[in-house]
Amino acid sequence: MPTKRMVANAAGNLEALVRKSRDGQGIGDGNASSGRSIDALAELRSFSRLSCSPPRQVGFISRDSSSSRKISCSSAPEPSTPATVIEADDPKSLKKPLEGAKPLPLAISVSVGLILRFLVPKPAAVSAQAWQLLSIFLSTITGLVLSPLPVGAWAFVGLTTTVLTRTLSFASAFSAFTNDVIWLIVISFFFARGFVKTGLGDRIATYFVKWLGKSTLGLSYGLTVSEALIAPAMPSTTARAGGVFLPIINSLSLSAGSRPNDKSSSKLGAYLVQTQFQAAGNSSALFLTAAAQNLLCLKLAEELGVIVANPWVTWLKVAIVPAALSLLSTPLLLYKLYPPEIKDTREAPAMAEKKLQQMGPVTKSEWVMVSTMLLAVTLWVLGDKLGVPSVVAAMLGLSILLVLGVLNWDDCLSEKSAWDTLAWFAVLVGMASQLTSLGLVKWMSDSVAKVLASFSLSWPAAFGVLQGSYFLIHYLFASQTGHVGALYSAFLAMHLAAGVPGVLSALALAYNTNLFGALTHYSSGQAAVYYGAGYVELRDIFKYGAIVALWNGIVWTVSGAIWWKILGLY
């Protein structure tokens, strides 16, 4: 049993964590890295194990005048300052954590590259430079999976290796750091922070609870639809999960007597968490700017000669039918397969109304946030006609938020996940781009196309095999963007070599990237957040992740085939 001092410190840690989610600190993209996902998971799970009973009166976690969230614990007073360490009874029993690279993951990651470079014969059609770069790239990708170092640090080691071995020049190695799409992704983190900091996302979600929350199913639909609506202007699935929806779900669940890491979780919390988690992929697939990896996919497609005209509108037009059908069917599907014990939540609208009253009228910062995001989305939609690139529209929006004080520069500097993503993402994109330029991707795609041709597969059959393989491989990845950086170009090239129409191939792979974000508890940043809340058992994450993935595959295949034929994609 934890001591009173441990519980008090834990409560302080929990308050700091929730405040961090509320203010957007450290909330990165839902797909940022395996290291951040695992760290978030460990931190959240550690709190849920404490014997801290919920407060007697629980409503929505409200915003007070200082924009801090209050967490109460019946077994200990609220600490005046957030603690950072949970002390053991015997401090001598604490061991200093291992610093530096983890020996076994490091050895495996390096060995993969060395084996390819020196033991696997180089194909005659591949240059020595391309083969050496491929070996470094594979070591880097293996490290992303095994995490011998934090993702950004390991990517930097890989980047250094390319320059040290003279595989790439300094200019070529760092060329992707000026990539406009990567900077658009970085700025998207700051937009997400603005949504959380101002409380705008929280307010929008609360309104939907008020309107649709009379039943558990209606409550789930309210949360799901509200996420889809704010997704295009809040391009971080982890920020949406940790900064907006999980706090609301947690408050509703506790009010209904549904507690994490307890049998009572099945009353309400498990269903709401599972539904929000499984539906989030369709929200991200619906809009180009709803997730960072979407932008990267189209940039990589462009490097292979696949140009998507008027990308924001085209993306929405192609996705809207299958994404909407999957999104709207997921709450009902899980309601039948994974039903909550509580079906009636008539008190939820009243709670939402009370919370809205506590929040007060819409603040100036929220109005500025709304106006700025409407401007940004408008420019993203009409950018081609107006001659305004997407990244310039994002830069304009961020500048407005900074000038009007919605965000300050310290907010941007403290958004570590944005700068971390800039570092490791640019390394991956740069290596992938150089592999394409050196002809290696084309050689790989031609080789796979010959294998597929030997089976006499038509392009629709090849399309199905490649899409299914791309999806299932994600069981080995803990990052959606890492998956894209490692495999998207190669799989797109295979599609093209097999005769699949280019735009169809590029968009289908991109949509697929969003859908596999709910396969496991490590498959994305939001996966760690929702699993770490403690409402859903690990076996249920895997079980229903596979079931919903199969359902999404059926819906997207059937409705997509009809809708995309109507649109003339094939």
Foldseek 3Di string as FASTA:
>chain_A
DDDQQLLQLLQLLVQVLLQCLLLLFQQAFFFQALVLLVVLLVSLQVSQPDPFAADPDFFFQFQAPVRGTDGDTPSYGHDPHHHDDRDDPDNVPDDDDDDAFDVPLLVVLLVQLVCQLPPNDDDPVFDNLLSNLVSLLSSLLSCRLVVRDGNLVSLVVSLVVCCVVVSDPPCLLQVLLPPLLLLLSLLLSVQLSLCSNLVVLQLQLLVLCLVQVQWLLSNLVSNLVSLLVCLLRRAHPSSCQSRHPVSNLQRLCVNVVQGFPDPSLLQRSQLSLLLNLQLVLLSCQQFCRSYSLSSVLQVLLVLVVQHDPLPGVVSNLLSVQLSVVLNVCSSVVCCVVRNHNGTGDNCRSVSSVVSDVSNPDRDPSSVLSVVLSVQLVVCSNCVVVVVNDSSNSSVVSVVSCCVVVSDHVVSSVSNVSSVSCSSSLSSLQSSLSVSVVSPNLLVLLLVVLVVVVVVVDALVRVLVVLLVVLLVCLVSHLGLSSSCSSPSSSSLSNSVSNPQQNVCSSSSSSSSSSNSCQQACRSTSSSSVSVSVRSHDRVCSNVVSVVSSVVSVVSCVVRSVVSCVVVVSD
